[in-house]
């Protein structure tokens, strides 16, 4: 089976820029600091509305930029649409509303993280810059913490003077489903 047909990552394989079929641009290269073997947590760090967030690398399959996708009639606002990812239909979800962040602009190019959660893959919309980083550990806070985004985080990753939320994609997806039910 060739590399393009493989469905998962090899353990320890880093995310990387892939050239897109046709004349579409390649996914931007990813910076990495994952060489630190003593790190307790390895995370994919990205921005939403200019704020840093992270997801554990074991839950991120790849970075993909969609220029074409199909909108879904009567879909909730957080469902941007669906896209074809090498023959698989993948929902594109924007979690900004759940996280209390301003809505994204109407740009046609949508950078995403393909994450595995709740038994399926979903493309989570991001701002575009992605890095893979190693952290010494997780600061745990309960869901009632005044720290922003604590409800959606497994914990927080210390990065200098700030704490980067380590998001739980499963919690985000459940929250998006609940938001959809409330709209119905």
N, C-alpha and C. Protein backbone atom coordinates (compact mmCIF):
# COMPACT_ATOMS: atom_id res chain seq x y z
N UNK A 1 0.86 -1.18 0.00
CA UNK A 1 0.00 0.00 0.00
C UNK A 1 0.90 1.23 0.00
N UNK A 2 0.65 2.18 -0.88
CA UNK A 2 1.46 3.38 -0.97
C UNK A 2 1.18 4.35 0.16
N UNK A 3 2.05 5.34 0.30
CA UNK A 3 1.93 6.33 1.38
C UNK A 3 0.60 7.08 1.29
N UNK A 4 0.18 7.44 0.08
CA UNK A 4 -1.04 8.24 -0.06
C UNK A 4 -2.28 7.44 0.34
N UNK A 5 -2.22 6.12 0.23
CA UNK A 5 -3.39 5.31 0.55
C UNK A 5 -3.47 4.97 2.04
N UNK A 6 -2.43 5.19 2.77
CA UNK A 6 -2.41 4.85 4.19
C UNK A 6 -3.40 5.72 4.96
N UNK A 7 -4.15 5.16 5.91
CA UNK A 7 -5.19 5.90 6.60
C UNK A 7 -4.77 6.48 7.93
N UNK A 8 -3.70 6.16 8.49
CA UNK A 8 -3.33 6.71 9.80
C UNK A 8 -1.87 7.11 9.80
N UNK A 9 -1.46 7.66 10.92
CA UNK A 9 -0.05 8.01 11.06
C UNK A 9 0.69 6.84 11.67
N UNK A 10 1.93 6.71 11.28
CA UNK A 10 2.82 5.76 11.94
C UNK A 10 3.16 6.37 13.29
N UNK A 11 3.16 5.58 14.39
CA UNK A 11 3.50 6.17 15.69
C UNK A 11 4.81 6.94 15.61
N UNK A 12 4.81 8.14 16.12
CA UNK A 12 5.99 8.99 16.11
C UNK A 12 6.16 9.80 14.84
N UNK A 13 5.31 9.58 13.84
CA UNK A 13 5.42 10.32 12.60
C UNK A 13 4.87 11.73 12.82
N UNK A 14 5.62 12.73 12.41
CA UNK A 14 5.19 14.12 12.58
C UNK A 14 4.25 14.51 11.46
N UNK A 15 3.40 15.47 11.73
CA UNK A 15 2.56 16.05 10.68
C UNK A 15 3.47 16.82 9.75
N UNK A 16 3.12 16.89 8.50
CA UNK A 16 3.97 17.59 7.55
C UNK A 16 3.13 18.19 6.44
N UNK A 17 3.76 19.13 5.72
CA UNK A 17 3.08 19.73 4.59
C UNK A 17 2.98 18.72 3.46
N UNK A 18 1.84 18.61 2.84
CA UNK A 18 1.66 17.71 1.71
C UNK A 18 1.27 18.54 0.51
N UNK A 19 1.76 18.14 -0.65
CA UNK A 19 1.32 18.86 -1.82
C UNK A 19 -0.08 18.39 -2.16
N UNK A 20 -0.87 19.32 -2.60
CA UNK A 20 -2.26 19.02 -2.91
C UNK A 20 -2.38 18.62 -4.37
N UNK A 21 -3.38 17.82 -4.71
CA UNK A 21 -3.56 17.43 -6.10
C UNK A 21 -3.89 18.64 -6.96
N UNK A 22 -3.54 18.52 -8.22
CA UNK A 22 -3.85 19.60 -9.15
C UNK A 22 -3.00 20.82 -8.90
N UNK A 23 -3.60 21.99 -9.10
CA UNK A 23 -2.84 23.23 -8.93
C UNK A 23 -3.10 23.89 -7.58
N UNK A 24 -3.70 23.15 -6.64
CA UNK A 24 -3.95 23.72 -5.32
C UNK A 24 -2.63 23.84 -4.57
N UNK A 25 -2.52 24.84 -3.70
CA UNK A 25 -1.27 25.02 -2.96
C UNK A 25 -1.06 23.92 -1.94
N UNK A 26 0.20 23.67 -1.63
CA UNK A 26 0.53 22.69 -0.60
C UNK A 26 0.19 23.24 0.76
N UNK A 27 -0.03 22.35 1.71
CA UNK A 27 -0.25 22.75 3.10
C UNK A 27 1.05 23.38 3.59
N UNK A 28 0.99 24.51 4.31
CA UNK A 28 2.22 25.15 4.76
C UNK A 28 3.05 24.23 5.64
N UNK A 29 4.38 24.38 5.60
CA UNK A 29 5.22 23.54 6.45
C UNK A 29 4.92 23.78 7.92
N UNK A 30 5.17 22.78 8.72
CA UNK A 30 4.89 22.83 10.14
C UNK A 30 6.20 22.91 10.90
N UNK A 31 6.30 23.83 11.86
CA UNK A 31 7.49 23.89 12.70
C UNK A 31 7.36 22.83 13.77
N UNK A 32 8.49 22.38 14.26
CA UNK A 32 8.43 21.31 15.26
C UNK A 32 9.49 21.47 16.34
N UNK A 33 9.11 21.17 17.56
CA UNK A 33 10.05 21.11 18.67
C UNK A 33 9.85 19.78 19.39
N UNK A 34 9.48 18.76 18.63
CA UNK A 34 9.12 17.47 19.21
C UNK A 34 10.33 16.58 19.50
N UNK A 35 11.52 17.07 19.27
CA UNK A 35 12.70 16.24 19.46
C UNK A 35 13.03 16.01 20.92
N UNK A 36 12.41 16.74 21.82
CA UNK A 36 12.65 16.60 23.25
C UNK A 36 11.98 15.32 23.74
N UNK A 37 12.78 14.26 23.94
CA UNK A 37 12.20 12.98 24.34
C UNK A 37 11.72 12.96 25.78
N UNK A 38 12.09 13.97 26.57
CA UNK A 38 11.64 14.01 27.97
C UNK A 38 10.29 14.71 28.13
N UNK A 39 9.74 15.22 27.05
CA UNK A 39 8.48 15.95 27.13
C UNK A 39 7.34 15.02 27.54
N UNK A 40 6.48 15.52 28.41
CA UNK A 40 5.32 14.76 28.88
C UNK A 40 4.17 14.84 27.89
N UNK A 41 4.06 15.97 27.20
CA UNK A 41 2.94 16.19 26.28
C UNK A 41 3.47 16.76 24.98
N UNK A 42 3.02 16.17 23.89
CA UNK A 42 3.33 16.70 22.56
C UNK A 42 2.01 17.16 21.97
N UNK A 43 1.98 18.39 21.52
CA UNK A 43 0.71 18.96 21.08
C UNK A 43 0.86 19.74 19.78
N UNK A 44 -0.22 19.77 19.04
CA UNK A 44 -0.33 20.58 17.84
C UNK A 44 -0.90 21.92 18.30
N UNK A 45 -0.13 22.99 18.18
CA UNK A 45 -0.55 24.31 18.65
C UNK A 45 -0.99 25.14 17.45
N UNK A 46 -2.13 25.79 17.58
CA UNK A 46 -2.72 26.57 16.50
C UNK A 46 -3.42 27.78 17.10
N UNK A 47 -3.91 28.66 16.25
CA UNK A 47 -4.61 29.86 16.73
C UNK A 47 -6.05 29.85 16.23
N UNK A 48 -6.92 30.38 17.08
CA UNK A 48 -8.31 30.67 16.73
C UNK A 48 -8.57 32.09 17.19
N UNK A 49 -8.99 32.94 16.29
CA UNK A 49 -9.24 34.35 16.62
C UNK A 49 -8.02 34.96 17.31
N UNK A 50 -6.84 34.55 16.88
CA UNK A 50 -5.60 35.10 17.42
C UNK A 50 -5.17 34.54 18.76
N UNK A 51 -5.93 33.62 19.34
CA UNK A 51 -5.59 33.03 20.64
C UNK A 51 -5.01 31.63 20.43
N UNK A 52 -3.97 31.26 21.21
CA UNK A 52 -3.38 29.94 21.04
C UNK A 52 -4.23 28.84 21.69
N UNK A 53 -4.30 27.70 21.02
CA UNK A 53 -4.95 26.50 21.51
C UNK A 53 -4.09 25.32 21.12
N UNK A 54 -4.31 24.17 21.74
CA UNK A 54 -3.54 22.97 21.41
C UNK A 54 -4.45 21.75 21.44
N UNK A 55 -4.06 20.75 20.67
CA UNK A 55 -4.70 19.43 20.69
C UNK A 55 -3.57 18.42 20.69
N UNK A 56 -3.71 17.37 21.50
CA UNK A 56 -2.70 16.32 21.59
C UNK A 56 -2.43 15.75 20.19
N UNK A 57 -1.14 15.55 19.86
CA UNK A 57 -0.79 15.08 18.52
C UNK A 57 -1.38 13.71 18.20
N UNK A 58 -1.68 12.92 19.21
CA UNK A 58 -2.26 11.60 18.94
C UNK A 58 -3.68 11.69 18.40
N UNK A 59 -4.32 12.85 18.54
CA UNK A 59 -5.68 13.02 18.03
C UNK A 59 -5.73 13.79 16.72
N UNK A 60 -4.58 14.31 16.27
CA UNK A 60 -4.53 15.07 15.02
C UNK A 60 -3.97 14.18 13.93
N UNK A 61 -4.75 14.02 12.88
CA UNK A 61 -4.29 13.18 11.77
C UNK A 61 -3.46 13.96 10.78
N UNK A 62 -3.90 15.19 10.46
CA UNK A 62 -3.17 16.00 9.49
C UNK A 62 -3.71 17.42 9.47
N UNK A 63 -3.00 18.27 8.74
CA UNK A 63 -3.43 19.64 8.48
C UNK A 63 -3.90 19.65 7.03
N UNK A 64 -5.06 20.25 6.78
CA UNK A 64 -5.58 20.32 5.41
C UNK A 64 -6.17 21.71 5.18
N UNK A 65 -5.95 22.22 3.98
CA UNK A 65 -6.56 23.50 3.58
C UNK A 65 -7.58 23.19 2.49
N UNK A 66 -8.83 23.52 2.77
CA UNK A 66 -9.88 23.27 1.80
C UNK A 66 -10.22 24.57 1.08
N UNK A 67 -10.15 24.52 -0.25
CA UNK A 67 -10.57 25.67 -1.06
C UNK A 67 -11.96 25.43 -1.63
N UNK A 68 -12.34 24.17 -1.68
CA UNK A 68 -13.66 23.81 -2.18
C UNK A 68 -14.33 22.88 -1.17
N UNK A 69 -15.58 23.16 -0.89
CA UNK A 69 -16.37 22.30 -0.02
C UNK A 69 -17.82 22.53 -0.37
N UNK A 70 -18.67 21.70 0.16
CA UNK A 70 -20.10 21.79 -0.11
C UNK A 70 -20.82 22.23 1.15
N UNK A 71 -21.61 23.28 1.03
CA UNK A 71 -22.42 23.70 2.18
C UNK A 71 -23.59 22.72 2.32
N UNK A 72 -24.08 22.60 3.52
CA UNK A 72 -25.18 21.67 3.80
C UNK A 72 -26.42 22.49 4.10
N UNK A 73 -27.49 22.35 3.30
CA UNK A 73 -28.71 23.12 3.55
C UNK A 73 -29.25 22.88 4.95
N UNK A 74 -29.71 23.93 5.59
CA UNK A 74 -30.30 23.90 6.92
C UNK A 74 -29.33 23.42 8.01
N UNK A 75 -28.04 23.44 7.72
CA UNK A 75 -27.04 23.03 8.72
C UNK A 75 -26.88 24.12 9.77
N UNK A 76 -26.50 23.74 10.98
CA UNK A 76 -26.25 24.75 12.02
C UNK A 76 -25.05 25.62 11.62
N UNK A 77 -24.96 26.83 12.18
CA UNK A 77 -23.90 27.76 11.78
C UNK A 77 -22.48 27.23 11.98
N UNK A 78 -22.27 26.35 12.96
CA UNK A 78 -20.92 25.85 13.20
C UNK A 78 -20.47 24.82 12.16
N UNK A 79 -21.40 24.28 11.36
CA UNK A 79 -21.03 23.34 10.31
C UNK A 79 -20.78 24.14 9.04
N UNK A 80 -19.51 24.35 8.74
CA UNK A 80 -19.13 25.13 7.56
C UNK A 80 -19.56 24.41 6.30
N UNK A 81 -19.44 23.09 6.31
CA UNK A 81 -19.80 22.27 5.16
C UNK A 81 -19.14 20.92 5.26
N UNK A 82 -19.08 20.23 4.12
CA UNK A 82 -18.38 18.96 4.04
C UNK A 82 -17.42 19.03 2.87
N UNK A 83 -16.33 18.26 2.97
CA UNK A 83 -15.32 18.28 1.92
C UNK A 83 -14.85 16.86 1.61
N UNK A 84 -14.30 16.71 0.42
CA UNK A 84 -13.74 15.44 0.01
C UNK A 84 -12.26 15.43 0.38
N UNK A 85 -11.88 14.51 1.24
CA UNK A 85 -10.49 14.35 1.64
C UNK A 85 -10.03 12.98 1.16
N UNK A 86 -9.44 12.96 -0.03
CA UNK A 86 -8.96 11.72 -0.65
C UNK A 86 -10.02 10.62 -0.65
N UNK A 87 -11.22 10.98 -1.07
CA UNK A 87 -12.30 10.01 -1.20
C UNK A 87 -13.20 9.87 0.01
N UNK A 88 -12.83 10.46 1.13
CA UNK A 88 -13.66 10.42 2.34
C UNK A 88 -14.37 11.76 2.50
N UNK A 89 -15.66 11.72 2.85
CA UNK A 89 -16.40 12.95 3.12
C UNK A 89 -16.16 13.32 4.58
N UNK A 90 -15.65 14.53 4.79
CA UNK A 90 -15.28 14.99 6.13
C UNK A 90 -16.08 16.25 6.47
N UNK A 91 -16.78 16.28 7.61
CA UNK A 91 -17.46 17.51 8.01
C UNK A 91 -16.44 18.56 8.44
N UNK A 92 -16.71 19.81 8.09
CA UNK A 92 -15.85 20.93 8.50
C UNK A 92 -16.61 21.71 9.56
N UNK A 93 -16.07 21.74 10.78
CA UNK A 93 -16.75 22.39 11.91
C UNK A 93 -15.93 23.57 12.40
N UNK A 94 -16.62 24.63 12.77
CA UNK A 94 -15.98 25.81 13.35
C UNK A 94 -16.43 25.92 14.80
N UNK A 95 -15.51 25.71 15.72
CA UNK A 95 -15.84 25.69 17.16
C UNK A 95 -15.75 27.06 17.82
N UNK A 96 -15.58 28.11 17.05
CA UNK A 96 -15.42 29.44 17.64
C UNK A 96 -16.60 29.85 18.51
N UNK A 97 -17.81 29.59 18.07
CA UNK A 97 -18.99 30.00 18.84
C UNK A 97 -19.03 29.28 20.19
N UNK A 98 -18.74 27.98 20.19
CA UNK A 98 -18.72 27.21 21.44
C UNK A 98 -17.65 27.77 22.39
N UNK A 99 -16.52 28.17 21.83
CA UNK A 99 -15.42 28.70 22.64
C UNK A 99 -15.61 30.17 23.00
N UNK A 100 -16.68 30.79 22.52
CA UNK A 100 -16.94 32.19 22.84
C UNK A 100 -16.04 33.15 22.08
N UNK A 101 -15.61 32.75 20.89
CA UNK A 101 -14.72 33.57 20.07
C UNK A 101 -15.50 34.20 18.93
N UNK A 102 -15.00 35.31 18.38
CA UNK A 102 -15.70 35.94 17.26
C UNK A 102 -15.71 35.02 16.03
N UNK A 103 -16.75 35.15 15.23
CA UNK A 103 -16.89 34.33 14.02
C UNK A 103 -15.76 34.62 13.05
N UNK A 104 -15.43 33.62 12.24
CA UNK A 104 -14.37 33.79 11.25
C UNK A 104 -14.92 34.59 10.08
N UNK A 105 -13.99 35.18 9.33
CA UNK A 105 -14.38 35.92 8.14
C UNK A 105 -14.87 34.95 7.07
N UNK A 106 -15.40 35.46 6.02
CA UNK A 106 -15.97 34.63 4.97
C UNK A 106 -14.96 34.15 3.94
N UNK A 107 -13.69 34.01 4.30
CA UNK A 107 -12.68 33.57 3.35
C UNK A 107 -13.03 32.20 2.79
N UNK A 108 -12.78 32.02 1.52
CA UNK A 108 -13.11 30.75 0.87
C UNK A 108 -12.10 29.66 1.22
N UNK A 109 -10.85 30.03 1.48
CA UNK A 109 -9.82 29.07 1.84
C UNK A 109 -9.94 28.76 3.33
N UNK A 110 -10.09 27.49 3.68
CA UNK A 110 -10.31 27.12 5.07
C UNK A 110 -9.20 26.18 5.55
N UNK A 111 -8.27 26.71 6.38
CA UNK A 111 -7.27 25.82 6.98
C UNK A 111 -7.90 25.04 8.13
N UNK A 112 -7.60 23.75 8.21
CA UNK A 112 -8.21 22.90 9.23
C UNK A 112 -7.21 21.91 9.81
N UNK A 113 -7.56 21.40 10.98
CA UNK A 113 -6.89 20.24 11.56
C UNK A 113 -7.86 19.08 11.44
N UNK A 114 -7.42 17.99 10.86
CA UNK A 114 -8.25 16.80 10.79
C UNK A 114 -8.00 16.03 12.09
N UNK A 115 -9.02 15.96 12.93
CA UNK A 115 -8.87 15.31 14.23
C UNK A 115 -9.79 14.09 14.31
N UNK A 116 -9.36 13.14 15.12
CA UNK A 116 -10.17 11.96 15.38
C UNK A 116 -10.80 12.11 16.76
N UNK A 117 -12.12 12.06 16.79
CA UNK A 117 -12.83 12.21 18.06
C UNK A 117 -14.21 11.59 17.93
N UNK A 118 -14.69 11.05 19.04
CA UNK A 118 -16.04 10.48 19.08
C UNK A 118 -16.25 9.44 17.99
N UNK A 119 -15.20 8.73 17.61
CA UNK A 119 -15.33 7.65 16.64
C UNK A 119 -15.30 8.05 15.18
N UNK A 120 -15.09 9.31 14.87
CA UNK A 120 -14.98 9.70 13.46
C UNK A 120 -14.05 10.89 13.32
N UNK A 121 -13.77 11.23 12.05
CA UNK A 121 -12.88 12.35 11.76
C UNK A 121 -13.69 13.60 11.45
N UNK A 122 -13.18 14.73 11.90
CA UNK A 122 -13.79 16.01 11.61
C UNK A 122 -12.67 17.01 11.33
N UNK A 123 -12.94 17.95 10.46
CA UNK A 123 -11.99 19.02 10.15
C UNK A 123 -12.37 20.23 11.00
N UNK A 124 -11.50 20.60 11.95
CA UNK A 124 -11.74 21.78 12.79
C UNK A 124 -11.07 22.98 12.15
N UNK A 125 -11.83 24.04 11.94
CA UNK A 125 -11.30 25.26 11.32
C UNK A 125 -10.31 25.92 12.28
N UNK A 126 -9.16 26.35 11.73
CA UNK A 126 -8.14 27.07 12.50
C UNK A 126 -7.76 28.33 11.74
N UNK A 127 -6.92 29.19 12.35
CA UNK A 127 -6.49 30.41 11.67
C UNK A 127 -5.42 30.15 10.62
N UNK A 128 -4.66 29.08 10.74
CA UNK A 128 -3.69 28.77 9.70
C UNK A 128 -2.30 28.43 10.19
N UNK A 129 -1.78 29.12 11.19
CA UNK A 129 -0.44 28.82 11.68
C UNK A 129 -0.50 27.62 12.61
N UNK A 130 0.37 26.65 12.36
CA UNK A 130 0.39 25.42 13.15
C UNK A 130 1.83 25.12 13.54
N UNK A 131 2.01 24.66 14.77
CA UNK A 131 3.33 24.18 15.19
C UNK A 131 3.15 22.95 16.06
N UNK A 132 4.14 22.11 16.05
CA UNK A 132 4.15 20.94 16.93
C UNK A 132 5.13 21.26 18.04
N UNK A 133 4.67 21.16 19.27
CA UNK A 133 5.52 21.55 20.39
C UNK A 133 5.47 20.52 21.50
N UNK A 134 6.57 20.47 22.25
CA UNK A 134 6.68 19.57 23.40
C UNK A 134 6.55 20.39 24.67
N UNK A 135 5.80 19.87 25.63
CA UNK A 135 5.58 20.57 26.90
C UNK A 135 5.95 19.63 28.05
N UNK A 136 6.37 20.21 29.16
CA UNK A 136 6.79 19.44 30.32
C UNK A 136 5.67 18.77 31.06
N UNK A 137 4.46 19.26 30.94
CA UNK A 137 3.34 18.67 31.66
C UNK A 137 2.07 19.47 31.44
N UNK A 138 1.02 19.02 32.10
CA UNK A 138 -0.29 19.66 31.98
C UNK A 138 -0.68 20.24 33.34
N UNK A 139 -1.16 21.48 33.33
CA UNK A 139 -1.74 22.09 34.52
C UNK A 139 -3.23 21.76 34.46
N UNK A 140 -3.73 21.03 35.44
CA UNK A 140 -5.14 20.66 35.41
C UNK A 140 -5.97 21.65 36.22
N UNK A 141 -7.11 21.99 35.68
CA UNK A 141 -8.08 22.87 36.33
C UNK A 141 -9.44 22.23 36.15
N UNK A 142 -10.35 22.45 37.08
CA UNK A 142 -11.68 21.86 36.88
C UNK A 142 -12.50 22.75 35.95
N UNK A 143 -13.60 22.19 35.46
CA UNK A 143 -14.43 22.88 34.47
C UNK A 143 -15.02 24.19 34.99
N UNK A 144 -15.09 24.37 36.31
CA UNK A 144 -15.64 25.61 36.87
C UNK A 144 -14.57 26.69 37.04
N UNK A 145 -13.36 26.41 36.61
CA UNK A 145 -12.26 27.37 36.74
C UNK A 145 -12.58 28.66 35.99
N UNK A 146 -12.13 29.81 36.52
CA UNK A 146 -12.33 31.06 35.79
C UNK A 146 -11.42 31.18 34.57
N UNK A 147 -10.47 30.27 34.42
CA UNK A 147 -9.58 30.29 33.26
C UNK A 147 -10.42 30.10 31.99
N UNK A 148 -10.27 31.00 31.00
CA UNK A 148 -11.07 30.86 29.78
C UNK A 148 -10.88 29.48 29.14
N UNK A 149 -11.93 28.92 28.63
CA UNK A 149 -11.95 27.67 27.89
C UNK A 149 -11.70 26.43 28.75
N UNK A 150 -11.74 26.54 30.08
CA UNK A 150 -11.50 25.39 30.97
C UNK A 150 -12.52 24.28 30.72
N UNK A 151 -13.73 24.65 30.36
CA UNK A 151 -14.79 23.66 30.14
C UNK A 151 -14.46 22.71 28.99
N UNK A 152 -13.70 23.18 28.01
CA UNK A 152 -13.41 22.40 26.81
C UNK A 152 -12.01 21.80 26.83
N UNK A 153 -11.26 22.05 27.90
CA UNK A 153 -9.85 21.65 27.94
C UNK A 153 -9.62 20.44 28.83
N UNK A 154 -8.66 19.63 28.43
CA UNK A 154 -8.17 18.53 29.26
C UNK A 154 -7.26 19.09 30.34
N UNK A 155 -6.73 20.26 30.08
CA UNK A 155 -5.81 20.95 30.98
C UNK A 155 -5.18 22.10 30.22
N UNK A 156 -4.15 22.67 30.81
CA UNK A 156 -3.48 23.81 30.19
C UNK A 156 -1.99 23.53 30.13
N UNK A 157 -1.38 23.94 29.03
CA UNK A 157 0.04 23.71 28.82
C UNK A 157 0.80 25.00 29.12
N UNK A 158 1.73 24.97 30.09
CA UNK A 158 2.48 26.18 30.40
C UNK A 158 3.43 26.53 29.26
N UNK A 159 3.32 27.76 28.79
CA UNK A 159 4.17 28.26 27.71
C UNK A 159 4.64 29.65 28.10
N UNK A 160 5.75 29.71 28.82
CA UNK A 160 6.23 30.99 29.33
C UNK A 160 5.26 31.52 30.37
N UNK A 161 4.76 32.72 30.14
CA UNK A 161 3.85 33.38 31.08
C UNK A 161 2.38 33.02 30.85
N UNK A 162 2.08 32.30 29.78
CA UNK A 162 0.67 32.01 29.49
C UNK A 162 0.39 30.52 29.62
N UNK A 163 -0.90 30.20 29.70
CA UNK A 163 -1.36 28.82 29.72
C UNK A 163 -2.15 28.58 28.43
N UNK A 164 -1.73 27.60 27.65
CA UNK A 164 -2.38 27.28 26.39
C UNK A 164 -3.39 26.16 26.64
N UNK A 165 -4.68 26.37 26.34
CA UNK A 165 -5.67 25.32 26.56
C UNK A 165 -5.39 24.10 25.68
N UNK A 166 -5.32 22.92 26.30
CA UNK A 166 -5.21 21.66 25.57
C UNK A 166 -6.64 21.15 25.38
N UNK A 167 -7.19 21.43 24.21
CA UNK A 167 -8.60 21.14 23.95
C UNK A 167 -8.87 19.64 23.83
N UNK A 168 -10.06 19.27 24.24
CA UNK A 168 -10.55 17.90 24.09
C UNK A 168 -11.51 17.91 22.90
N UNK A 169 -11.09 17.37 21.74
CA UNK A 169 -11.98 17.39 20.57
C UNK A 169 -13.32 16.71 20.83
N UNK A 170 -13.34 15.67 21.65
CA UNK A 170 -14.60 15.00 21.98
C UNK A 170 -15.58 15.92 22.68
N UNK A 171 -15.09 16.69 23.65
CA UNK A 171 -15.96 17.65 24.36
C UNK A 171 -16.47 18.72 23.39
N UNK A 172 -15.59 19.18 22.50
CA UNK A 172 -16.02 20.19 21.53
C UNK A 172 -17.12 19.65 20.63
N UNK A 173 -16.94 18.43 20.14
CA UNK A 173 -17.96 17.85 19.26
C UNK A 173 -19.28 17.65 19.99
N UNK A 174 -19.22 17.19 21.23
CA UNK A 174 -20.47 17.04 22.00
C UNK A 174 -21.14 18.40 22.18
N UNK A 175 -20.36 19.45 22.44
CA UNK A 175 -20.93 20.79 22.62
C UNK A 175 -21.54 21.29 21.32
N UNK A 176 -20.90 21.00 20.19
CA UNK A 176 -21.46 21.41 18.90
C UNK A 176 -22.78 20.68 18.63
N UNK A 177 -22.84 19.40 18.98
CA UNK A 177 -24.09 18.64 18.81
C UNK A 177 -25.19 19.20 19.70
N UNK A 178 -24.85 19.56 20.94
CA UNK A 178 -25.83 20.15 21.86
C UNK A 178 -26.33 21.49 21.32
N UNK A 179 -25.42 22.30 20.78
CA UNK A 179 -25.81 23.60 20.22
C UNK A 179 -26.77 23.39 19.06
N UNK A 180 -26.54 22.35 18.26
CA UNK A 180 -27.42 22.06 17.14
C UNK A 180 -28.81 21.68 17.64
N UNK A 181 -28.88 20.87 18.69
CA UNK A 181 -30.19 20.47 19.24
C UNK A 181 -30.96 21.67 19.77
N UNK A 182 -30.24 22.60 20.41
CA UNK A 182 -30.89 23.80 20.96
C UNK A 182 -31.46 24.67 19.86
N UNK A 183 -30.82 24.68 18.67
CA UNK A 183 -31.30 25.50 17.56
C UNK A 183 -32.53 24.89 16.90
N UNK A 184 -32.72 23.58 17.05
CA UNK A 184 -33.84 22.90 16.36
C UNK A 184 -35.16 23.17 17.00
